Amino acid sequence: MLEHLVQFTAWPILTGLLVGYVANRIMSGEGKGCCLNLFIGIVGSYAGAFIGSLLDVHLIGAGYVKNFIFCVLGSVVVMWIWKKLVD
């Protein structure tokens, strides 16, 4: 039971950190910190899933690489919108 709880909470957090870091490096060339990377990664993952549904790309069961690419794409879009709103 404990290993399922760890898998359910640890992997999305680690994936969100990694996706947010990659998106920050693509958009600005530097990381912004763990909290912002996590936020951007999680929100961007949902945005990537939404973009995938708009393009009629099935991401469920598609594999890690395809999901990771769409999560990074969604995070880059979220970062672009963030920069447009803040600047």
N, C-alpha and C. Protein backbone atom coordinates (compact mmCIF):
# COMPACT_ATOMS: atom_id res chain seq x y z
N MET A 1 0.82 -1.19 0.00
CA MET A 1 0.00 0.00 0.00
C MET A 1 0.87 1.25 0.00
N LEU A 2 1.93 1.23 0.78
CA LEU A 2 2.79 2.40 0.87
C LEU A 2 3.50 2.68 -0.44
N GLU A 3 3.89 1.62 -1.16
CA GLU A 3 4.58 1.84 -2.43
C GLU A 3 3.65 2.45 -3.48
N HIS A 4 2.36 2.14 -3.43
CA HIS A 4 1.41 2.76 -4.34
C HIS A 4 1.23 4.24 -4.02
N LEU A 5 1.24 4.57 -2.74
CA LEU A 5 1.12 5.97 -2.32
C LEU A 5 2.34 6.77 -2.75
N VAL A 6 3.50 6.19 -2.60
CA VAL A 6 4.74 6.86 -3.02
C VAL A 6 4.76 7.04 -4.53
N GLN A 7 4.35 6.02 -5.26
CA GLN A 7 4.32 6.11 -6.72
C GLN A 7 3.29 7.15 -7.17
N PHE A 8 2.16 7.23 -6.50
CA PHE A 8 1.11 8.16 -6.87
C PHE A 8 1.52 9.61 -6.61
N THR A 9 2.31 9.87 -5.59
CA THR A 9 2.68 11.24 -5.26
C THR A 9 4.06 11.64 -5.76
N ALA A 10 5.01 10.72 -5.77
CA ALA A 10 6.38 11.09 -6.10
C ALA A 10 6.59 11.29 -7.59
N TRP A 11 6.05 10.42 -8.43
CA TRP A 11 6.31 10.53 -9.87
C TRP A 11 5.71 11.77 -10.49
N PRO A 12 4.46 12.17 -10.17
CA PRO A 12 3.96 13.43 -10.75
C PRO A 12 4.77 14.65 -10.30
N ILE A 13 5.25 14.65 -9.07
CA ILE A 13 6.05 15.78 -8.60
C ILE A 13 7.39 15.82 -9.32
N LEU A 14 8.06 14.67 -9.43
CA LEU A 14 9.34 14.63 -10.12
C LEU A 14 9.18 14.96 -11.60
N THR A 15 8.13 14.44 -12.22
CA THR A 15 7.88 14.73 -13.62
C THR A 15 7.56 16.20 -13.81
N GLY A 16 6.76 16.78 -12.91
CA GLY A 16 6.44 18.20 -12.98
C GLY A 16 7.67 19.08 -12.85
N LEU A 17 8.57 18.71 -11.94
CA LEU A 17 9.82 19.45 -11.79
C LEU A 17 10.66 19.38 -13.05
N LEU A 18 10.77 18.20 -13.62
CA LEU A 18 11.58 18.02 -14.83
C LEU A 18 10.97 18.75 -16.02
N VAL A 19 9.67 18.62 -16.21
CA VAL A 19 9.00 19.29 -17.32
C VAL A 19 9.10 20.81 -17.17
N GLY A 20 8.89 21.31 -15.96
CA GLY A 20 9.01 22.75 -15.72
C GLY A 20 10.42 23.26 -15.94
N TYR A 21 11.41 22.48 -15.54
CA TYR A 21 12.80 22.88 -15.75
C TYR A 21 13.14 22.94 -17.24
N VAL A 22 12.71 21.92 -17.98
CA VAL A 22 12.98 21.91 -19.43
C VAL A 22 12.29 23.09 -20.11
N ALA A 23 11.04 23.36 -19.73
CA ALA A 23 10.32 24.49 -20.33
C ALA A 23 10.99 25.82 -19.99
N ASN A 24 11.45 25.98 -18.75
CA ASN A 24 12.16 27.20 -18.37
C ASN A 24 13.46 27.36 -19.14
N ARG A 25 14.17 26.26 -19.35
CA ARG A 25 15.41 26.33 -20.12
C ARG A 25 15.15 26.68 -21.59
N ILE A 26 14.05 26.18 -22.15
CA ILE A 26 13.70 26.49 -23.53
C ILE A 26 13.31 27.95 -23.66
N MET A 27 12.51 28.45 -22.73
CA MET A 27 11.96 29.80 -22.86
C MET A 27 12.93 30.88 -22.42
N SER A 28 13.67 30.65 -21.34
CA SER A 28 14.51 31.74 -20.83
C SER A 28 15.97 31.38 -20.70
N GLY A 29 16.32 30.13 -20.88
CA GLY A 29 17.71 29.74 -20.79
C GLY A 29 18.21 29.48 -19.39
N GLU A 30 17.33 29.59 -18.40
CA GLU A 30 17.74 29.34 -17.02
C GLU A 30 16.56 28.80 -16.23
N GLY A 31 16.84 28.11 -15.15
CA GLY A 31 15.79 27.61 -14.28
C GLY A 31 15.28 28.73 -13.38
N LYS A 32 14.07 28.58 -12.91
CA LYS A 32 13.45 29.62 -12.08
C LYS A 32 13.30 29.20 -10.63
N GLY A 33 13.69 28.01 -10.28
CA GLY A 33 13.52 27.52 -8.92
C GLY A 33 12.56 26.35 -8.88
N CYS A 34 12.65 25.58 -7.82
CA CYS A 34 11.87 24.34 -7.72
C CYS A 34 10.37 24.59 -7.70
N CYS A 35 9.93 25.58 -6.92
CA CYS A 35 8.49 25.81 -6.80
C CYS A 35 7.88 26.26 -8.12
N LEU A 36 8.51 27.19 -8.79
CA LEU A 36 7.98 27.67 -10.07
C LEU A 36 8.08 26.58 -11.13
N ASN A 37 9.16 25.81 -11.13
CA ASN A 37 9.29 24.70 -12.08
C ASN A 37 8.17 23.68 -11.86
N LEU A 38 7.88 23.38 -10.59
CA LEU A 38 6.82 22.43 -10.28
C LEU A 38 5.47 22.96 -10.74
N PHE A 39 5.18 24.22 -10.46
CA PHE A 39 3.91 24.83 -10.86
C PHE A 39 3.76 24.84 -12.38
N ILE A 40 4.79 25.31 -13.07
CA ILE A 40 4.75 25.35 -14.53
C ILE A 40 4.65 23.95 -15.11
N GLY A 41 5.35 22.99 -14.53
CA GLY A 41 5.30 21.62 -15.02
C GLY A 41 3.94 20.98 -14.87
N ILE A 42 3.29 21.20 -13.74
CA ILE A 42 1.98 20.60 -13.51
C ILE A 42 0.92 21.28 -14.38
N VAL A 43 0.89 22.60 -14.39
CA VAL A 43 -0.08 23.32 -15.21
C VAL A 43 0.18 23.05 -16.69
N GLY A 44 1.44 23.01 -17.07
CA GLY A 44 1.80 22.73 -18.45
C GLY A 44 1.44 21.32 -18.87
N SER A 45 1.48 20.37 -17.95
CA SER A 45 1.08 19.00 -18.28
C SER A 45 -0.40 18.95 -18.63
N TYR A 46 -1.20 19.66 -17.85
CA TYR A 46 -2.64 19.72 -18.18
C TYR A 46 -2.85 20.46 -19.50
N ALA A 47 -2.10 21.51 -19.72
CA ALA A 47 -2.22 22.25 -20.99
C ALA A 47 -1.79 21.37 -22.16
N GLY A 48 -0.75 20.58 -21.97
CA GLY A 48 -0.30 19.67 -23.02
C GLY A 48 -1.33 18.60 -23.33
N ALA A 49 -2.00 18.10 -22.29
CA ALA A 49 -3.08 17.13 -22.52
C ALA A 49 -4.23 17.78 -23.27
N PHE A 50 -4.52 19.04 -22.95
CA PHE A 50 -5.58 19.76 -23.65
C PHE A 50 -5.20 19.99 -25.12
N ILE A 51 -3.95 20.37 -25.37
CA ILE A 51 -3.47 20.55 -26.74
C ILE A 51 -3.54 19.23 -27.50
N GLY A 52 -3.17 18.15 -26.85
CA GLY A 52 -3.26 16.84 -27.48
C GLY A 52 -4.69 16.47 -27.84
N SER A 53 -5.64 16.81 -26.97
CA SER A 53 -7.03 16.51 -27.28
C SER A 53 -7.54 17.39 -28.41
N LEU A 54 -7.07 18.63 -28.49
CA LEU A 54 -7.47 19.50 -29.60
C LEU A 54 -6.94 18.99 -30.93
N LEU A 55 -5.74 18.43 -30.92
CA LEU A 55 -5.13 17.89 -32.13
C LEU A 55 -5.55 16.45 -32.41
N ASP A 56 -6.44 15.91 -31.56
CA ASP A 56 -6.93 14.54 -31.67
C ASP A 56 -5.79 13.53 -31.59
N VAL A 57 -4.86 13.78 -30.66
CA VAL A 57 -3.76 12.86 -30.40
C VAL A 57 -4.09 12.11 -29.11
N HIS A 58 -4.10 10.81 -29.15
CA HIS A 58 -4.44 10.01 -27.99
C HIS A 58 -3.18 9.81 -27.14
N LEU A 59 -3.19 10.39 -25.94
CA LEU A 59 -2.02 10.33 -25.09
C LEU A 59 -2.10 9.23 -24.04
N ILE A 60 -3.29 8.72 -23.78
CA ILE A 60 -3.44 7.66 -22.78
C ILE A 60 -2.88 6.37 -23.37
N GLY A 61 -1.87 5.83 -22.70
CA GLY A 61 -1.23 4.62 -23.17
C GLY A 61 -0.28 4.85 -24.34
N ALA A 62 0.08 6.10 -24.60
CA ALA A 62 0.92 6.41 -25.76
C ALA A 62 2.40 6.22 -25.47
N GLY A 63 2.79 6.17 -24.24
CA GLY A 63 4.19 6.02 -23.90
C GLY A 63 4.74 7.28 -23.26
N TYR A 64 5.86 7.14 -22.59
CA TYR A 64 6.43 8.23 -21.82
C TYR A 64 6.97 9.36 -22.69
N VAL A 65 7.58 9.00 -23.80
CA VAL A 65 8.22 10.02 -24.64
C VAL A 65 7.17 10.95 -25.24
N LYS A 66 6.12 10.39 -25.78
CA LYS A 66 5.06 11.20 -26.39
C LYS A 66 4.38 12.07 -25.33
N ASN A 67 4.09 11.52 -24.18
CA ASN A 67 3.49 12.31 -23.10
C ASN A 67 4.44 13.41 -22.63
N PHE A 68 5.72 13.09 -22.51
CA PHE A 68 6.70 14.08 -22.07
C PHE A 68 6.79 15.23 -23.06
N ILE A 69 6.77 14.92 -24.35
CA ILE A 69 6.84 15.97 -25.38
C ILE A 69 5.63 16.89 -25.29
N PHE A 70 4.44 16.32 -25.12
CA PHE A 70 3.25 17.16 -25.02
C PHE A 70 3.21 17.94 -23.70
N CYS A 71 3.75 17.38 -22.63
CA CYS A 71 3.83 18.11 -21.36
C CYS A 71 4.78 19.30 -21.49
N VAL A 72 5.91 19.10 -22.14
CA VAL A 72 6.86 20.20 -22.35
C VAL A 72 6.24 21.24 -23.28
N LEU A 73 5.56 20.80 -24.33
CA LEU A 73 4.89 21.73 -25.23
C LEU A 73 3.85 22.57 -24.48
N GLY A 74 3.06 21.93 -23.65
CA GLY A 74 2.08 22.66 -22.84
C GLY A 74 2.74 23.62 -21.87
N SER A 75 3.86 23.22 -21.28
CA SER A 75 4.57 24.09 -20.34
C SER A 75 5.18 25.29 -21.05
N VAL A 76 5.68 25.10 -22.25
CA VAL A 76 6.21 26.22 -23.03
C VAL A 76 5.09 27.20 -23.36
N VAL A 77 3.92 26.69 -23.71
CA VAL A 77 2.78 27.56 -23.99
C VAL A 77 2.38 28.34 -22.73
N VAL A 78 2.36 27.66 -21.59
CA VAL A 78 2.03 28.32 -20.32
C VAL A 78 3.06 29.39 -20.00
N MET A 79 4.34 29.09 -20.21
CA MET A 79 5.40 30.09 -19.96
C MET A 79 5.26 31.28 -20.91
N TRP A 80 4.91 31.04 -22.17
CA TRP A 80 4.73 32.12 -23.13
C TRP A 80 3.57 33.02 -22.71
N ILE A 81 2.46 32.41 -22.31
CA ILE A 81 1.31 33.20 -21.84
C ILE A 81 1.68 33.97 -20.57
N TRP A 82 2.40 33.33 -19.67
CA TRP A 82 2.85 33.98 -18.42
C TRP A 82 3.68 35.21 -18.73
N LYS A 83 4.63 35.08 -19.65
CA LYS A 83 5.50 36.21 -20.01
C LYS A 83 4.69 37.33 -20.66
N LYS A 84 3.69 37.00 -21.48
CA LYS A 84 2.86 38.02 -22.11
C LYS A 84 2.02 38.77 -21.09
N LEU A 85 1.55 38.08 -20.07
CA LEU A 85 0.73 38.71 -19.04
C LEU A 85 1.56 39.56 -18.07
N VAL A 86 2.75 39.08 -17.73
CA VAL A 86 3.58 39.78 -16.74
C VAL A 86 4.32 40.94 -17.35
N ASP A 87 4.84 40.80 -18.54
CA ASP A 87 5.64 41.89 -19.15
C ASP A 87 4.80 42.96 -19.75
